[in-house]
């Protein structure tokens, strides 16, 4: 078999070098030619048709740009202009494989976008525009099959896809598990060797990317959007900041006709300037370069993407489904009378990391046959032998745009007001394009306020840091990012490349303690600690990991004695000025401008009353405050402040994250341990929520805050970075007397979930209100000036009172797990009285309570029935984990210390 395949691959290599493959290829070329002329400018110069002013200028005419334009039209936004440097679909859209599959994601945000996009292609766009999108609901099958390079992975992938299927059904996807024989029946060219099961969605299928783009474009034009091709944006014009430290704002764009002498000329005398309120960067693989013109960090990077199309195959039915076999890095679907076989190889290849040529609109990349040959050979093993007698019509390589974390970049840029982005789609631009466009258009119409109907915390463009735009970083990470497309997503998956970009000053000390590090927004942070370096390695699993006993020891050590956590990755922002207290009080639901030397846990809301941040504010003096938030919300918290500051506020913001090492000392022995190190009495004169500078040893002074995130007596120490090692060494030495353990993020997660503590961006997000999240205790209704979103919270509270309670409410979940049972992570489906009702937003194993613990957002089926203790108590509850249904408990209070007796 292998010899035969090698002969086949040599024939393909020969075909690649043949003259017929040097002809520019477009899988939908005739359709593309016919459609683009519909939008071509009839004037002598495209600049003649441009307005002097626009409310919104969209830059980039691929599927995303046209979707954004279409949704602006649907929202009734006037004076919208879309500018395309070449012709619509140029870049990556024109050569996309056109998969329209809803199955496969464990993200509710992605599922919502996929389902909405499929509906657009199937019915909405054709009915509104009269143009077909080429959508064919031929079905989709994802295979759970053996990986030739890792045979043991097959059962884990089967388990994982069952988890995905359960979650997807909750989201509304009609997915069923089918046998290998049923796979063969639906796709006769498939070899079933090594297949354990298939996951079949009959409503999914494929779409013509060019037709879909043109339908969006026509829909946009029908609603007043102006689309102009042949226009190059040379620059985004910005204003100066209204005050020091505040971002600049968009003022317009400067453009020239593509291909004209002015395009490369620095002289601006012949440029056309369009003043604009909002600029939207939908430039695809050019988004980073366009962003650089305005100082906006967008670390997307193009990578090679391959597919081949065979000659006609006798008996092939174009209605056969799309089939994906992640274990062999391939997707397969009919294309005309032949097959299209596409690849997402384990190691991708970056393309033109320096700069992508402006003229590469419909270009192709020279294929690297030596690199791709093993993947093609593996692909052929999945197809029947007769396929090897079929010729190859085209072997195509074109660029696709990827981000460092495989999630899209969407939303308002943090450093430039009214500059928005939708790019870096990681090869899901076609299947989420409608949802991305709808979300961003609504976001912009809301004047930058996050939409309340979809979680955007994981796709927000403000999650990135400047160093991620480094060329070497992009080259290395994109190779891994493309490979992640079909990688089995184990719970402890961590990026392999570009590690070590940010390290705590305690890194080497923690390494000596045998820390297993994980990437936390670029920081190397301990996940757990082993007893020796030899114990750091182990097999990946959805069950109890090899380090389970180490994790348990850290968890119990914190509950029973005392634990040390290095939390230096936390975002720390110093807010100073005469108006600092007034400003932060306006942002915060709690009264953060109370007594000096006090820390306050609070929420920040947007103007519509939905959650935007979960953080603490410590009042250091009458004019100085320290804001501490989670690592993922670093730029989001800063952006939330800068976007609401004006020249009238005397407020100065300083990012001091790297200036302070944060050590959390938590557990019942924490007070006694620290008391041995300081002359400051830590008795009742240092109560819960107290924040004060204290001496440590003879040489250090640190900010000591009495607060906890694990549900125990504890302290957070903010230490000048140059003194951190001194303080750490003293804590470790004295800690020997008190049973001190080093603890990592696995223990932190299980400890906080036993206590029901929230984590913004994981179990609460911008779709939740403070009342639904169970955080109303942070509201001070009487404080002067109120807080942003207060009237909406009051209105919701009044509505809940009229209903007799909250019909949407966060709750705690507990499930007893046997040693062989899989663990909880997120996305496990909760059933009430035999009906699906929600999923776990976060899950872990609670070593103290002896089972799985998690948080879920419950919503009564009718949307009005209050979720009360009796509504929960009188029901039967089960948790669906892959193919298992396990009885569970649900409660509004945490399962550990519900009366908060241990923290004070």
Foldseek 3Di string as FASTA:
>chain_A
DLVLLVVLLVQVVVVLPDPLQVPQDFLCVVVLVVLQVVQADPDPFLVVPDDQAAAEEEEAQFLQSLLLLLLLLVVLGARYEYEAQATHNFAPLRRFPFWLDLADDLFLQSNVLLVVLLCCQPPVLCVQQVFHFQFFLLKEKEFQFAQPVHRVCSVVLLLVSLLRVVLSVVSPFPKDKAALVVLCVLPVQFDSVGTGIMIMGSRTAGTNSSRSSSSSNSSSVVSHYRYTYQKDWPAFDWDDDQDPPFFIATFWTWIDGRPDPVNPDPDRPPIRTYTYRAYEYAHAQCSQVRCVRVVFHDQKFKWKWKKFKWDADPPDDQSRGWYHYLSLQWIWHDRPRTIIIIGLALFIFTDPLPHDDPPNTSDFDSDDSVVCSVSVSSVVVRTDPVCSVIGISYITMHIHMAALVRAWEWADGLRYANYIYTYHNLSCCSSSSNVRSNQRSVCVVVRNAHDQPRFCLVRYNLLADRCSNPSVNSRRSVRNSSSVVSDDDFLQDADDPPADPAEAPCRVVVVVQQFDFGQFSRYTFGAFGDNDVVQNDFDTHLAQTSCNVRLLCQLVLQAAFKEKGWQLLWWKKKKFFQCRLVLVCQQWQANQQDDAQFKAWTFGAAQQQFTQFTWIWHHHDNGIIMIIGGNSCRSVVVSVRSVPDRPVGGMDMDGCSNQWTKMKMGHPNSQVLQVVFWPDRCPPVQDARGWDWTGGHDDFIWIWGFYDQQLAGIIMTTGGSVCVVVRVVSSVVSCVVGSYDYGGDQSSQLRNLLQPDDHEPQQGGRNHHCVQAVNCVRGDCPDPPRYRNRVNVVVVVVLQVVLVAFQKHKKKKWFADDNPDRADAWSWFKDKQRHTFWIFSGWHARSVVHTIMTMIIGGDPVRRHHDDPCVQVVIWMWTHSSPDTGTMHIGRARNPPSVSPRHD
